[in-house]
Amino acid sequence: MNGIVGGVVLAIASFIIIAFYLNITPPTDLGVKEGRLPPLSSRPNGVSSQAQDEEKRVPALAFKADIGQTVEAVKQAFAALGTIEIVKEKPTYIHAIAISPIFRFRDDIEVYFDISARKVHYRSQSRVGFSDMGENRTRFETFKILYEAEE
């Protein structure tokens, strides 16, 4: 019996260590390549305006008057959400991290400003876990309302 209990405890401890490592380690495939954000994983824990899967797709958003106002509106929407930290910013790209308040789970959010199409592409995916219980979609919907409200 002690061997089984010890094995279970070791398995749980291993899972917690691996999940913690994955949660704090940013993915290596983020960024824009040939006008596209990375594809989402097969897990139901993310959304993207460039997703092939209809269930994971969210709409791309329209530009404001110019790129400067568009970037500022995205930043203001992130600030209003309150749990998002911008970690990388380029002229046509933002990588941010949303951190859940209790368990400190991290979701990577990417925004690509497609200047030629005048569209804001959005991608958000959880680092760990199979399902996010709709959190990334809910966050996008709130982000969209806040972004569209910005002048």
Protein backbone atom coordinates (compact mmCIF):
# COMPACT_ATOMS: atom_id res chain seq x y z
CA MET A 1 0.00 0.00 0.00
CA ASN A 2 2.82 2.44 0.86
CA GLY A 3 4.32 1.85 -2.58
CA ILE A 4 1.06 2.82 -4.28
CA VAL A 5 0.60 5.91 -2.11
CA GLY A 6 4.21 6.93 -2.71
CA GLY A 7 3.76 6.45 -6.45
CA VAL A 8 0.61 8.56 -6.46
CA VAL A 9 2.29 11.31 -4.44
CA LEU A 10 5.30 11.24 -6.78
CA ALA A 11 3.03 11.42 -9.84
CA ILE A 12 1.09 14.38 -8.41
CA ALA A 13 4.29 16.19 -7.43
CA SER A 14 5.74 15.57 -10.91
CA PHE A 15 2.58 16.91 -12.54
CA ILE A 16 2.65 20.05 -10.39
CA ILE A 17 6.32 20.70 -11.19
CA ILE A 18 5.79 20.20 -14.93
CA ALA A 19 2.66 22.41 -14.95
CA PHE A 20 4.49 25.12 -13.00
CA TYR A 21 7.42 25.00 -15.45
CA LEU A 22 5.12 25.17 -18.49
CA ASN A 23 3.15 28.00 -16.89
CA ILE A 24 6.21 30.22 -16.36
CA THR A 25 8.02 29.31 -19.60
CA PRO A 26 6.82 31.32 -22.61
CA PRO A 27 6.19 29.40 -25.84
CA THR A 28 8.95 29.62 -28.42
CA ASP A 29 6.68 29.81 -31.48
CA LEU A 30 5.07 33.21 -30.84
CA GLY A 31 5.25 36.09 -33.30
CA VAL A 32 4.15 36.90 -36.83
CA LYS A 33 5.44 34.85 -39.74
CA GLU A 34 4.37 35.79 -43.26
CA GLY A 35 1.42 37.80 -41.97
CA ARG A 36 0.13 35.03 -39.72
CA LEU A 37 0.05 34.47 -35.99
CA PRO A 38 0.90 30.91 -34.87
CA PRO A 39 -1.83 28.29 -35.25
CA LEU A 40 -3.65 27.28 -32.08
CA SER A 41 -3.05 23.87 -30.55
CA SER A 42 -5.67 21.15 -30.88
CA ARG A 43 -6.75 21.76 -27.26
CA PRO A 44 -9.89 23.87 -26.66
CA ASN A 45 -8.01 26.56 -24.72
CA GLY A 46 -7.52 29.42 -27.14
CA VAL A 47 -9.01 31.73 -29.77
CA SER A 48 -7.62 33.47 -32.83
CA SER A 49 -8.90 35.70 -35.61
CA GLN A 50 -6.82 33.56 -37.98
CA ALA A 51 -7.99 30.15 -36.69
CA GLN A 52 -9.01 27.56 -39.25
CA ASP A 53 -11.41 25.95 -36.77
CA GLU A 54 -14.70 27.88 -36.66
CA GLU A 55 -15.15 27.12 -32.93
CA LYS A 56 -11.84 28.83 -32.12
CA ARG A 57 -12.22 31.80 -34.48
CA VAL A 58 -12.93 35.33 -33.33
CA PRO A 59 -13.35 38.31 -35.67
CA ALA A 60 -10.45 40.52 -36.69
CA LEU A 61 -11.07 44.10 -35.62
CA ALA A 62 -11.06 47.19 -37.82
CA PHE A 63 -8.28 49.77 -37.59
CA LYS A 64 -8.93 53.13 -36.02
CA ALA A 65 -8.00 56.24 -38.06
CA ASP A 66 -4.32 55.25 -38.24
CA ILE A 67 -1.83 52.74 -36.83
CA GLY A 68 -0.92 55.01 -33.90
CA GLN A 69 -4.52 55.33 -32.72
CA THR A 70 -5.06 51.61 -33.29
CA VAL A 71 -2.07 50.60 -31.16
CA GLU A 72 -3.10 53.07 -28.45
CA ALA A 73 -6.67 51.71 -28.42
CA VAL A 74 -5.33 48.15 -27.97
CA LYS A 75 -3.10 49.28 -25.10
CA GLN A 76 -5.99 51.14 -23.45
CA ALA A 77 -8.23 48.07 -23.76
CA PHE A 78 -5.51 45.91 -22.17
CA ALA A 79 -5.09 48.43 -19.35
CA ALA A 80 -8.85 48.43 -18.72
CA LEU A 81 -8.87 44.63 -18.47
CA GLY A 82 -6.42 45.01 -15.60
CA THR A 83 -4.71 41.60 -15.53
CA ILE A 84 -2.66 41.99 -18.71
CA GLU A 85 1.00 42.88 -18.96
CA ILE A 86 2.61 43.81 -22.29
CA VAL A 87 5.93 41.98 -22.51
CA LYS A 88 6.97 42.69 -26.10
CA GLU A 89 6.04 45.45 -28.50
CA LYS A 90 7.03 46.07 -32.10
CA PRO A 91 5.49 48.52 -34.60
CA THR A 92 2.98 45.93 -35.87
CA TYR A 93 2.92 43.39 -33.03
CA ILE A 94 2.21 43.14 -29.30
CA HIS A 95 2.75 40.12 -27.05
CA ALA A 96 1.04 40.34 -23.69
CA ILE A 97 0.38 37.94 -20.84
CA ALA A 98 -2.85 37.60 -18.89
CA ILE A 99 -2.36 36.16 -15.41
CA SER A 100 -5.28 34.65 -13.54
CA PRO A 101 -5.66 36.09 -10.05
CA ILE A 102 -5.87 32.93 -7.94
CA PHE A 103 -3.76 30.19 -9.54
CA ARG A 104 -1.54 32.58 -11.55
CA PHE A 105 -2.12 30.70 -14.83
CA ARG A 106 -0.68 32.54 -17.82
CA ASP A 107 -2.34 33.02 -21.19
CA ASP A 108 -0.31 34.44 -24.06
CA ILE A 109 -2.08 37.16 -26.04
CA GLU A 110 -0.76 38.31 -29.40
CA VAL A 111 -2.01 41.20 -31.48
CA TYR A 112 -0.89 41.68 -35.07
CA PHE A 113 -1.60 44.98 -36.81
CA ASP A 114 -2.11 44.12 -40.49
CA ILE A 115 -1.53 47.54 -42.05
CA SER A 116 -2.35 46.56 -45.63
CA ALA A 117 -5.73 45.02 -44.67
CA ARG A 118 -6.31 47.57 -41.85
CA LYS A 119 -7.19 44.73 -39.48
CA VAL A 120 -6.20 43.90 -35.91
CA HIS A 121 -5.62 40.17 -35.57
CA TYR A 122 -5.90 38.65 -32.11
CA ARG A 123 -4.68 35.35 -30.68
CA SER A 124 -4.91 34.16 -27.08
CA GLN A 125 -4.01 30.71 -25.75
CA SER A 126 -3.50 29.19 -22.32
CA ARG A 127 -0.04 27.81 -21.61
CA VAL A 128 -1.24 24.86 -19.53
CA GLY A 129 -4.37 22.78 -19.21
CA PHE A 130 -6.64 21.14 -21.71
CA SER A 131 -9.61 23.48 -21.53
CA ASP A 132 -9.79 27.08 -20.39
CA MET A 133 -13.55 26.92 -19.74
CA GLY A 134 -14.07 29.69 -22.32
CA GLU A 135 -11.82 32.21 -20.56
CA ASN A 136 -9.88 33.28 -23.67
CA ARG A 137 -13.09 33.84 -25.65
CA THR A 138 -14.66 35.79 -22.79
CA ARG A 139 -11.53 37.94 -22.47
CA PHE A 140 -11.57 38.61 -26.23
CA GLU A 141 -15.23 39.67 -26.14
CA THR A 142 -14.49 42.13 -23.32
CA PHE A 143 -11.34 43.33 -25.13
CA LYS A 144 -13.38 43.88 -28.31
CA ILE A 145 -15.96 46.02 -26.48
CA LEU A 146 -13.22 48.08 -24.83
CA TYR A 147 -11.23 48.45 -28.07
CA GLU A 148 -14.26 49.53 -30.08
CA ALA A 149 -15.23 52.07 -27.40
CA GLU A 150 -11.83 53.82 -27.67
CA GLU A 151 -11.83 56.93 -29.87
